[in-house]
Protein backbone atom coordinates (compact mmCIF):
# COMPACT_ATOMS: atom_id res chain seq x y z
CA MET A 1 46.99 -39.69 47.62
CA ALA A 2 43.88 -41.57 46.59
CA ARG A 3 42.42 -40.28 43.47
CA ARG A 4 38.88 -38.85 43.50
CA PRO A 5 36.56 -40.95 41.33
CA SER A 6 35.23 -39.33 38.08
CA LEU A 7 32.18 -37.32 38.53
CA PRO A 8 28.80 -38.70 37.12
CA LEU A 9 27.92 -35.69 34.81
CA PRO A 10 26.33 -37.68 31.96
CA PRO A 11 23.13 -38.49 33.90
CA LEU A 12 22.70 -34.66 35.02
CA LEU A 13 23.18 -33.70 31.32
CA GLU A 14 20.65 -36.08 30.27
CA ALA A 15 18.24 -35.13 32.90
CA LEU A 16 18.61 -31.45 32.36
CA ASP A 17 18.17 -32.01 28.70
CA ASP A 18 15.02 -34.01 29.19
CA TRP A 19 13.47 -31.29 31.40
CA GLN A 20 14.22 -28.79 28.73
CA HIS A 21 12.14 -30.90 26.20
CA LEU A 22 9.42 -32.40 28.56
CA ARG A 23 9.22 -30.28 31.60
CA THR A 24 7.15 -32.80 33.68
CA GLU A 25 7.61 -33.65 37.32
CA ARG A 26 9.25 -36.99 36.42
CA GLN A 27 12.06 -35.02 34.72
CA ARG A 28 12.68 -32.72 37.78
CA LEU A 29 12.86 -35.67 39.84
CA GLU A 30 15.36 -37.21 37.48
CA VAL A 31 17.72 -33.99 38.10
CA ALA A 32 17.35 -34.37 41.79
CA GLU A 33 18.53 -38.14 41.43
CA SER A 34 21.52 -37.04 39.25
CA LEU A 35 22.25 -34.17 42.05
CA GLN A 36 22.41 -37.00 44.42
CA ARG A 37 24.88 -39.11 42.74
CA LEU A 38 26.98 -36.16 42.45
CA THR A 39 26.72 -35.47 46.22
CA ASP A 40 27.29 -39.20 47.00
CA VAL A 41 30.56 -39.05 45.06
CA LEU A 42 31.79 -35.75 46.75
CA ASP A 43 30.73 -36.97 50.19
CA LEU A 44 28.15 -34.14 50.45
CA ARG A 45 25.00 -34.55 52.24
CA GLY A 46 22.70 -32.76 49.91
CA ALA A 47 22.35 -30.27 47.04
CA ALA A 48 19.59 -27.91 45.53
CA ILE A 49 19.63 -26.13 42.30
CA HIS A 50 17.68 -23.35 40.84
CA VAL A 51 18.07 -23.20 36.87
CA GLU A 52 17.49 -19.87 35.69
CA ALA A 53 19.37 -19.60 32.12
CA PRO A 54 17.01 -18.72 29.22
CA PRO A 55 16.34 -20.60 26.71
CA LEU A 56 16.21 -23.23 29.66
CA ALA A 57 12.83 -23.51 31.35
CA GLU A 58 13.26 -22.21 35.03
CA MET A 59 13.30 -25.01 37.35
CA THR A 60 14.21 -26.05 41.09
CA ALA A 61 15.38 -29.55 42.13
CA ALA A 62 16.85 -30.80 45.39
CA SER A 63 18.30 -33.86 47.03
CA GLY A 64 19.49 -35.34 50.29
CA THR A 65 19.26 -33.18 53.35
CA LEU A 66 18.02 -30.19 51.12
CA ALA A 67 15.30 -32.10 49.38
CA ALA A 68 12.68 -30.13 51.04
CA VAL A 69 14.01 -26.79 50.05
CA ALA A 70 11.49 -24.81 47.95
CA ALA A 71 12.13 -22.06 45.18
CA ASN A 72 11.24 -19.41 47.85
CA ASP A 73 13.10 -20.77 50.73
CA PRO A 74 15.13 -18.00 52.66
CA ALA A 75 18.20 -20.55 52.57
CA TRP A 76 18.68 -19.50 48.83
CA ALA A 77 20.34 -16.19 50.25
CA SER A 78 23.44 -18.23 50.88
CA ALA A 79 23.36 -20.07 47.65
CA HIS A 80 26.43 -20.10 45.26
CA GLU A 81 25.95 -18.26 41.91
CA LEU A 82 26.28 -20.66 38.81
CA ARG A 83 27.96 -18.92 35.68
CA ALA A 84 29.06 -20.13 32.46
CA ALA A 85 32.66 -19.65 31.14
CA ASP A 86 31.49 -16.40 29.63
CA GLU A 87 30.12 -15.17 32.84
CA VAL A 88 26.63 -15.84 31.84
CA PRO A 89 24.23 -16.28 34.92
CA LEU A 90 22.98 -19.76 34.94
CA GLY A 91 21.22 -19.89 38.35
CA ARG A 92 22.04 -20.77 42.08
CA LEU A 93 23.20 -24.01 44.10
CA LEU A 94 23.02 -24.87 47.69
CA ILE A 95 25.42 -27.23 49.12
CA ASP A 96 25.33 -29.22 52.43
CA PRO A 97 27.65 -28.76 54.31
CA PRO A 98 28.56 -25.35 52.91
CA ASP A 99 32.13 -25.49 54.13
CA SER A 100 33.02 -28.93 52.55
CA PRO A 101 36.32 -29.09 50.50
CA ALA A 102 34.28 -30.47 47.74
CA VAL A 103 32.14 -27.31 47.23
CA GLY A 104 34.19 -25.87 44.60
CA ALA A 105 34.16 -29.30 42.56
CA MET A 106 30.42 -29.44 43.02
CA ILE A 107 30.04 -25.88 41.73
CA SER A 108 32.17 -26.48 38.84
CA ALA A 109 30.53 -29.67 37.83
CA VAL A 110 27.05 -28.38 37.79
CA SER A 111 27.91 -25.36 36.08
CA VAL A 112 29.53 -27.17 33.36
CA ALA A 113 26.39 -29.44 33.16
CA VAL A 114 23.81 -26.38 33.22
CA ALA A 115 25.97 -24.43 30.73
CA ALA A 116 26.27 -27.52 28.12
CA THR A 117 22.47 -27.76 28.55
CA ARG A 118 21.94 -24.39 27.81
CA SER A 119 24.22 -24.26 24.89
CA ARG A 120 22.58 -27.02 23.16
CA ALA A 121 19.27 -25.65 23.89
CA ARG A 122 20.32 -22.25 22.30
CA ALA A 123 21.45 -24.11 19.34
CA GLU A 124 18.18 -25.98 18.87
CA ARG A 125 16.33 -22.74 19.33
CA ALA A 126 18.40 -20.94 16.75
CA GLU A 127 17.75 -23.92 14.38
CA ALA A 128 13.80 -24.00 15.13
CA ASN A 129 13.88 -20.11 14.82
CA LEU A 130 15.67 -20.24 11.28
CA ALA A 131 13.07 -22.89 10.31
CA ALA A 132 10.00 -20.85 11.53
CA LEU A 133 11.50 -17.76 9.75
CA ASP A 134 12.20 -19.67 6.67
CA VAL A 135 8.51 -20.92 6.77
CA ALA A 136 7.26 -17.22 7.47
CA VAL A 137 9.37 -15.67 4.73
CA ARG A 138 8.11 -18.31 2.19
CA GLY A 139 4.53 -17.48 3.48
CA ILE A 140 4.68 -13.81 2.35
CA ALA A 141 7.25 -14.21 -0.54
CA GLY A 142 4.71 -15.84 -2.97
CA LEU A 143 2.24 -13.01 -2.39
CA LEU A 144 1.88 -10.42 -4.85
CA GLU A 145 -1.48 -8.51 -3.72
CA LEU A 146 -0.54 -5.93 -1.09
CA THR A 147 -3.50 -6.60 1.13
CA ALA A 148 -2.57 -10.07 1.20
CA VAL A 149 0.89 -9.42 1.80
CA LEU A 150 0.32 -7.24 4.87
CA GLN A 151 -2.17 -9.62 6.44
CA GLY A 152 0.34 -12.50 5.71
CA ILE A 153 3.20 -10.58 7.48
CA VAL A 154 1.12 -10.00 10.86
CA ASP A 155 -0.15 -13.53 10.86
CA HIS A 156 3.25 -15.13 10.44
CA VAL A 157 5.41 -12.84 12.92
CA ARG A 158 2.63 -13.64 15.42
CA GLU A 159 3.39 -17.31 14.96
CA LEU A 160 6.94 -16.80 14.77
CA VAL A 161 7.43 -15.52 18.39
CA ASP A 162 4.24 -17.03 19.82
CA ALA A 163 2.57 -13.70 20.48
CA GLU A 164 -1.29 -13.42 21.18
CA TYR A 165 -1.49 -10.26 19.16
CA ALA A 166 0.28 -8.62 16.31
CA ALA A 167 -0.27 -5.40 14.18
CA LEU A 168 1.38 -3.75 11.06
CA ALA A 169 1.38 -0.16 10.71
CA ILE A 170 2.10 1.15 7.05
CA LEU A 171 3.36 4.77 6.96
CA ASP A 172 2.80 7.13 4.16
CA GLU A 173 5.29 9.56 2.76
CA ASP A 174 4.93 12.13 5.64
CA GLY A 175 5.36 9.50 8.44
CA GLY A 176 1.50 9.36 9.08
CA LEU A 177 -0.47 6.16 9.52
CA GLU A 178 -1.65 4.89 5.88
CA ARG A 179 -2.85 1.52 7.00
CA PHE A 180 -3.15 -0.63 10.15
CA VAL A 181 -3.42 -4.50 9.86
CA THR A 182 -3.94 -6.70 13.00
CA SER A 183 -3.63 -10.47 13.84
CA GLY A 184 -5.22 -12.21 16.97
CA LEU A 185 -8.38 -9.95 16.88
CA THR A 186 -11.81 -10.92 15.90
CA THR A 187 -13.68 -8.68 13.67
CA GLU A 188 -16.03 -7.92 16.32
CA GLU A 189 -12.88 -7.05 18.76
CA TYR A 190 -11.34 -4.91 16.00
CA ARG A 191 -14.69 -3.09 15.48
CA ARG A 192 -15.13 -2.26 18.99
CA ILE A 193 -11.81 -0.91 19.39
CA GLY A 194 -12.73 2.18 17.23
CA PRO A 195 -10.43 4.59 15.24
CA LEU A 196 -6.96 3.74 14.22
CA PRO A 197 -4.12 4.63 16.71
CA LYS A 198 -2.69 8.04 16.32
CA GLY A 199 1.08 6.95 17.15
CA HIS A 200 1.23 8.41 20.62
CA GLY A 201 2.99 6.41 23.44
CA LEU A 202 4.93 3.42 22.77
CA LEU A 203 4.03 3.45 19.01
CA GLY A 204 5.28 7.01 18.67
CA VAL A 205 8.51 6.00 20.25
CA ILE A 206 9.26 3.27 17.74
CA VAL A 207 8.00 5.84 14.83
CA ASP A 208 9.94 8.68 16.16
CA GLU A 209 13.18 6.75 17.03
CA ASN A 210 13.22 4.25 14.25
CA ARG A 211 14.31 1.42 16.61
CA SER A 212 13.10 -1.74 18.33
CA LEU A 213 11.37 -1.86 21.58
CA ARG A 214 11.10 -4.48 24.13
CA ILE A 215 9.07 -4.12 27.16
CA PRO A 216 8.17 -6.70 29.88
CA ASP A 217 5.03 -4.87 30.83
CA ILE A 218 3.63 -1.76 28.91
CA GLY A 219 1.13 -1.18 31.71
CA THR A 220 3.80 -0.03 33.87
CA ASP A 221 5.79 1.66 31.19
CA PRO A 222 6.40 5.54 31.29
CA HIS A 223 5.72 5.84 27.65
CA ARG A 224 2.35 4.44 27.82
CA TYR A 225 -0.45 6.57 26.48
CA GLY A 226 -3.42 4.16 27.43
CA PHE A 227 -5.78 1.98 25.43
CA PRO A 228 -9.19 3.05 24.26
CA PRO A 229 -12.23 1.46 25.55
CA ASN A 230 -13.00 -2.20 24.68
CA HIS A 231 -9.21 -2.86 23.82
CA PRO A 232 -7.81 -6.22 24.84
CA GLU A 233 -5.42 -6.29 27.82
CA MET A 234 -1.83 -6.26 26.80
CA HIS A 235 1.40 -6.60 28.85
CA SER A 236 4.55 -7.88 27.27
CA PHE A 237 5.44 -5.80 24.18
CA LEU A 238 7.91 -6.27 21.05
CA GLY A 239 8.21 -3.39 18.25
CA ALA A 240 10.48 -3.35 15.38
CA PRO A 241 10.69 -1.07 12.54
CA ILE A 242 10.38 -2.16 8.80
CA SER A 243 12.70 -0.31 6.40
CA ILE A 244 13.54 -0.76 2.79
CA LYS A 245 16.61 0.91 1.24
CA GLY A 246 17.07 2.92 4.23
CA ARG A 247 13.68 4.19 4.21
CA SER A 248 11.15 3.48 6.92
CA ILE A 249 8.02 2.20 5.74
CA GLY A 250 6.33 0.64 8.74
CA ARG A 251 6.22 -0.86 12.03
CA LEU A 252 5.78 -4.18 13.52
CA TYR A 253 3.98 -4.67 17.05
CA LEU A 254 3.57 -7.51 18.99
CA THR A 255 2.14 -8.25 22.32
CA ASN A 256 1.36 -10.88 25.05
CA LYS A 257 4.16 -13.63 24.75
CA ARG A 258 2.26 -16.76 25.32
CA ASP A 259 4.84 -19.13 26.46
CA ALA A 260 6.80 -16.76 28.82
CA ALA A 261 6.38 -13.55 30.95
CA GLN A 262 8.12 -11.32 28.15
CA PHE A 263 9.65 -11.35 24.67
CA SER A 264 13.27 -12.32 24.60
CA GLU A 265 16.42 -11.02 22.92
CA ALA A 266 16.09 -14.06 20.75
CA ASP A 267 12.63 -12.91 19.83
CA GLN A 268 13.72 -9.42 19.06
CA GLU A 269 16.54 -10.66 16.69
CA LEU A 270 13.89 -13.06 15.11
CA VAL A 271 11.35 -10.24 14.36
CA GLU A 272 14.04 -7.75 13.24
CA ARG A 273 15.21 -10.42 10.54
CA PHE A 274 11.77 -11.02 9.43
CA ALA A 275 11.18 -7.30 9.25
CA LEU A 276 13.80 -7.14 6.68
CA HIS A 277 12.00 -9.79 4.54
CA ALA A 278 8.68 -8.02 5.15
CA GLY A 279 9.96 -4.74 3.79
CA ILE A 280 11.25 -6.54 0.67
CA ALA A 281 7.59 -8.21 0.25
CA ILE A 282 5.80 -5.08 0.80
CA GLU A 283 7.92 -3.18 -1.84
CA ASN A 284 7.57 -6.11 -4.39
CA ALA A 285 3.79 -6.00 -3.77
CA ARG A 286 3.60 -2.18 -4.29
CA LEU A 287 5.78 -2.60 -7.47
CA HIS A 288 3.46 -5.33 -8.73
CA GLU A 289 0.48 -3.15 -8.26
CA ARG A 290 2.11 -0.13 -10.10
CA VAL A 291 2.82 -2.62 -12.99
CA GLN A 292 -0.59 -3.78 -13.04
CA GLN A 293 -1.77 -0.17 -12.87
CA LEU A 294 0.63 0.83 -15.73
CA ALA A 295 -0.60 -2.28 -17.88
CA ILE A 296 -4.32 -1.07 -17.24
CA VAL A 297 -3.33 2.50 -18.43
CA GLU A 298 -1.39 1.36 -21.55
CA GLU A 299 -4.42 -0.94 -22.62
CA ARG A 300 -6.79 2.01 -22.10
CA GLU A 301 -4.43 4.30 -23.75
CA ARG A 302 -4.38 1.54 -26.80
CA ILE A 303 -8.13 1.33 -26.94
CA GLY A 304 -8.19 5.14 -27.06
CA ARG A 305 -5.90 5.36 -30.02
CA ASP A 306 -7.77 2.46 -31.80
CA LEU A 307 -10.91 4.15 -31.39
CA HIS A 308 -9.42 7.65 -32.43
CA ASP A 309 -7.23 6.43 -35.27
CA GLY A 310 -9.54 3.76 -36.48
CA ILE A 311 -13.39 4.12 -35.76
CA ILE A 312 -13.70 7.87 -35.40
CA GLN A 313 -11.77 8.55 -38.64
CA ARG A 314 -14.21 6.11 -40.57
CA ILE A 315 -17.13 7.63 -38.93
CA TYR A 316 -15.78 11.24 -39.96
CA GLY A 317 -15.21 9.96 -43.31
CA VAL A 318 -18.73 8.74 -43.65
CA THR A 319 -20.08 12.41 -42.77
CA LEU A 320 -17.76 13.92 -45.18
CA SER A 321 -19.24 11.67 -47.97
CA LEU A 322 -22.59 12.74 -47.08
CA ASP A 323 -22.13 16.31 -46.80
CA ASP A 324 -22.82 17.12 -50.45
CA VAL A 325 -25.80 14.53 -50.54
CA PRO A 326 -28.60 17.48 -49.54
CA GLU A 327 -27.46 19.44 -52.42
CA LEU A 328 -27.96 16.66 -54.89
CA VAL A 329 -31.13 15.88 -53.76
CA GLU A 330 -34.19 17.40 -55.66
CA PRO A 331 -35.17 20.82 -54.37
CA THR A 332 -38.57 19.70 -53.74
CA ASN A 333 -37.61 16.46 -51.71
CA THR A 334 -36.90 18.49 -48.42
CA GLU A 335 -37.54 15.48 -46.22
CA ALA A 336 -34.74 13.47 -47.92
CA ALA A 337 -32.43 16.39 -47.38
CA GLU A 338 -33.38 16.80 -43.72
CA ARG A 339 -32.93 13.22 -43.01
CA VAL A 340 -29.55 13.23 -44.41
CA ASP A 341 -28.66 16.35 -42.39
CA ARG A 342 -30.15 14.54 -39.23
CA ALA A 343 -27.84 11.52 -39.99
CA ILE A 344 -24.86 13.77 -40.41
CA ASP A 345 -25.68 15.40 -36.83
CA ALA A 346 -26.30 12.00 -35.52
CA LEU A 347 -22.72 10.94 -36.81
CA HIS A 348 -21.13 14.08 -35.30
CA ASP A 349 -22.73 13.41 -32.06
CA THR A 350 -21.49 9.81 -31.93
CA ILE A 351 -18.04 11.23 -32.62
CA ARG A 352 -18.53 13.51 -29.67
CA GLN A 353 -19.60 10.68 -27.61
CA LEU A 354 -16.71 8.51 -28.53
CA ARG A 355 -14.23 11.22 -27.82
CA THR A 356 -15.70 11.85 -24.38
CA PHE A 357 -15.53 8.08 -23.78
CA ILE A 358 -11.75 7.95 -24.94
CA PHE A 359 -11.02 10.97 -22.52
CA GLY A 360 -12.85 9.26 -19.66
CA LEU A 361 -11.06 5.82 -20.18
CA GLY A 362 -8.46 6.53 -17.37
CA PRO A 363 -6.73 9.14 -15.06
CA ALA A 364 -3.92 9.47 -17.38
CA LEU A 365 -6.16 10.11 -20.46
CA HIS A 366 -8.69 12.18 -18.42
CA ASP A 367 -5.90 14.38 -17.25
CA GLU A 368 -5.10 15.18 -20.81
CA ALA A 369 -8.81 15.72 -21.90
CA SER A 370 -8.30 19.42 -22.05
CA LEU A 371 -10.06 21.77 -24.57
CA THR A 372 -6.86 22.55 -26.66
CA ASP A 373 -6.10 18.88 -26.87
CA ALA A 374 -9.71 18.15 -28.15
CA LEU A 375 -9.46 20.93 -30.81
CA GLU A 376 -6.03 19.96 -31.74
CA ALA A 377 -7.19 16.40 -32.22
CA LEU A 378 -10.10 17.68 -34.35
CA ALA A 379 -7.83 19.78 -36.45
CA ALA A 380 -5.88 16.52 -37.15
CA GLU A 381 -8.84 14.82 -38.11
CA VAL A 382 -9.66 17.42 -40.86
CA ARG A 383 -6.23 18.11 -42.20
CA GLY A 384 -6.60 15.00 -44.51
CA ASN A 385 -9.25 17.07 -46.49
CA ILE A 386 -8.21 20.79 -45.83
CA PRO A 387 -5.01 22.38 -44.23
CA VAL A 388 -5.91 23.60 -40.61
CA THR A 389 -3.65 25.90 -38.55
CA THR A 390 -4.30 26.05 -34.95
CA GLN A 391 -3.51 28.99 -32.37
CA LEU A 392 -4.34 27.24 -29.10
CA PRO A 393 -2.76 28.35 -25.65
CA THR A 394 -0.23 25.94 -23.90
CA GLY A 395 -0.59 24.96 -20.17
CA ASP A 396 -3.60 24.91 -17.98
CA GLU A 397 -4.87 28.52 -18.17
CA LEU A 398 -8.37 27.53 -17.30
CA ALA A 399 -10.14 24.60 -15.76
CA ILE A 400 -12.98 23.72 -18.25
CA SER A 401 -15.84 21.55 -17.70
CA PRO A 402 -16.38 18.59 -19.77
CA GLU A 403 -19.60 19.75 -20.92
CA VAL A 404 -18.28 22.93 -22.29
CA ILE A 405 -15.55 21.19 -23.91
CA GLY A 406 -17.98 18.93 -25.70
CA GLU A 407 -20.34 21.78 -27.04
CA LEU A 408 -17.21 24.06 -28.08
CA VAL A 409 -15.55 21.04 -29.95
CA SER A 410 -18.95 20.34 -31.68
CA VAL A 411 -19.24 23.92 -32.74
CA ALA A 412 -15.71 23.70 -34.14
CA ARG A 413 -16.50 20.59 -35.92
CA GLU A 414 -19.57 22.09 -37.63
CA ALA A 415 -17.86 25.01 -38.50
CA LEU A 416 -14.88 23.25 -40.29
CA SER A 417 -17.57 20.86 -42.07
CA ASN A 418 -19.22 23.94 -43.41
CA VAL A 419 -15.81 25.09 -44.78
CA MET A 420 -15.30 21.87 -46.42
CA ARG A 421 -18.85 21.59 -47.93
CA HIS A 422 -19.58 25.16 -48.94
CA ALA A 423 -16.51 27.53 -48.65
CA VAL A 424 -14.23 26.21 -51.39
CA ALA A 425 -11.41 27.17 -48.96
CA HIS A 426 -7.64 26.55 -49.38
CA SER A 427 -7.11 26.59 -45.54
CA ALA A 428 -8.80 27.38 -42.23
CA THR A 429 -7.66 28.42 -38.90
CA MET A 430 -8.77 27.53 -35.36
CA ARG A 431 -7.93 30.35 -32.62
CA LEU A 432 -8.68 29.84 -28.79
CA THR A 433 -8.13 32.77 -26.50
CA VAL A 434 -8.50 32.98 -22.69
CA GLY A 435 -9.35 36.39 -21.37
CA PRO A 436 -10.03 37.45 -17.85
CA ASP A 437 -13.97 37.23 -18.32
CA VAL A 438 -14.29 35.26 -21.42
CA LEU A 439 -13.12 32.41 -23.58
CA THR A 440 -13.37 32.89 -27.31
CA LEU A 441 -13.10 30.26 -29.95
CA GLU A 442 -12.80 31.22 -33.65
CA VAL A 443 -12.81 29.32 -36.68
CA ALA A 444 -11.87 31.18 -39.80
CA ASP A 445 -11.33 30.34 -43.53
CA ASP A 446 -9.87 32.01 -46.77
CA GLY A 447 -12.78 30.71 -48.91
CA ARG A 448 -16.13 31.77 -50.56
CA GLY A 449 -18.05 33.73 -48.17
CA PHE A 450 -21.97 34.10 -47.97
CA ASP A 451 -24.40 36.85 -46.99
CA VAL A 452 -25.08 36.31 -43.30
CA THR A 453 -28.59 37.99 -43.49
CA ARG A 454 -29.91 35.96 -46.18
CA ARG A 455 -32.10 33.17 -44.92
CA ARG A 456 -30.76 29.66 -45.49
CA PRO A 457 -32.74 26.75 -46.96
CA PRO A 458 -33.95 24.07 -44.59
CA THR A 459 -31.22 21.60 -45.78
CA HIS A 460 -28.39 23.92 -44.45
CA ARG A 461 -28.68 23.07 -40.52
CA GLY A 462 -25.07 23.76 -39.84
CA LEU A 463 -25.68 27.44 -38.49
CA ILE A 464 -28.80 26.38 -36.74
CA ASN A 465 -27.00 23.70 -34.94
CA MET A 466 -24.05 25.97 -34.00
CA ARG A 467 -26.56 28.43 -32.67
CA ALA A 468 -28.40 25.96 -30.71
CA ARG A 469 -25.18 24.73 -29.11
CA ALA A 470 -24.10 28.33 -28.04
CA GLU A 471 -27.45 28.91 -26.64
CA ARG A 472 -27.15 25.80 -24.49
CA LEU A 473 -24.07 27.31 -22.98
CA GLY A 474 -25.26 30.93 -22.51
CA ALA A 475 -22.50 31.96 -25.08
CA LEU A 476 -22.65 34.53 -27.87
CA LEU A 477 -22.32 33.32 -31.43
CA ARG A 478 -21.06 35.85 -33.94
CA ILE A 479 -20.72 35.15 -37.83
CA GLU A 480 -18.76 37.44 -40.08
CA SER A 481 -18.55 36.54 -43.68
CA ASP A 482 -17.35 38.20 -46.82
CA TYR A 483 -17.38 36.93 -50.60
CA ALA A 484 -13.82 37.91 -51.09
CA SER A 485 -12.12 37.07 -47.74
CA GLY A 486 -14.09 34.00 -46.33
CA THR A 487 -15.98 33.38 -43.08
CA ARG A 488 -15.23 33.73 -39.17
CA ILE A 489 -17.26 32.08 -36.68
CA ILE A 490 -16.62 33.44 -33.32
CA VAL A 491 -18.07 31.84 -29.93
CA THR A 492 -17.65 33.88 -26.74
CA VAL A 493 -18.35 31.98 -23.46
CA PRO A 494 -18.51 33.72 -20.08
CA ARG A 495 -15.77 32.44 -17.40
CA PRO A 496 -18.46 31.19 -15.04
CA VAL A 497 -19.96 29.04 -17.70
CA VAL A 498 -16.61 27.63 -18.53
CA MET A 499 -15.90 26.64 -14.87
CA SER A 500 -19.32 25.23 -14.17
CA GLY A 501 -20.42 23.61 -17.47
CA GLY A 502 -23.81 25.44 -17.76
CA PRO A 503 -25.47 28.86 -18.48
CA ALA A 504 -24.45 31.77 -16.35
CA ALA A 505 -27.27 32.60 -13.84
């Protein structure tokens, strides 16, 4: 028995590979010529092949008596199915004559050639995808600012799978839309679209089910919710969730595959792998922002401490050194005494402004800027000169405006200053009580009292200042004093004033 000559598969393999990379009419004709060589060896009159095996590009080539067969010819109804060893469909093959003993050999040879080309194309595609993924991951890994990270993600993932449009939805803790970043839209297109999506339709499916979604045409999908006016036309769709440590933080959306009718399984796998790195990049950017915020808060707290422990204490020390000066001035020189008192008032006002500035340095400090905190800080300042006991409520019993806090602290400071200047006291007490209708601040000492009915000399402006501050608040100032038991300064502020920061109407 004569041996059948070996089949010329190398030319067909080379022609299919060239078609995959170049896809010109010349390469298609080379595939047809390679088929002709096979038919000549197998004594067949003609053959036609239709390759449909992604990632291979779809192609039809024919030779011999079947050279005129087109892709849509009815003759393909009787074509043989081409399959790889794992039963993956590769396309169809027409043979003339259809009953030749060589039909099986022809089918086997062409199947092997197409399957081998497909395997090589898949390996090349995987290598290219890995390279593209590496570029995309590197593109976002070096970014730390969150906005830049989000924009980098959508720009890179759009290039990764050659999509016309890409979008990234970042979710808040309740699963609602926090941010929505796009790529492929111009600024004007984005503006014309209008409000951000609400998560209906396909976007809602990905959010609710936390899974990837790949659709050939969203225009015909039953989950489609519809586009707003001026929205670009979109058809093929690929969506994938972004998670970090098992917690869903966002969604990637891609539309309009540019080099194919729809996104492939390989595209989905690539986007899902990129989504893992995207989640890490987003988390890193958020952590970086938190670290920066903490650094700012710490720096503000440090400035506040330096102001409080250094500058304020030094200014307060100067005021104490000036307290006795008016009494040392000649009684007839009232102008000099008044100047000293005004200087002391100005220094106290500077301290109050600095304290307000410290409280306003940042959210962390501002949250602590309560009246009890301010009074406790004042007591700490004075304790270097006289023991001060505080009886202050704990917790947030009452929301007090900064204006009221400033005036009440100034009254308390003036009262304590008088204690140190005139009372010859051993100790003082500050008490704050919060009632249903009023807030009461009391400063008391165990020193030498005075006659509250006696007119004070012009050099003694402490009581005048306290009364003026109380009047600004619409509050009641009461003074109780006894030579043997000391003095009590009591300020009663109506609750509406405490809340609003101004006198009651």
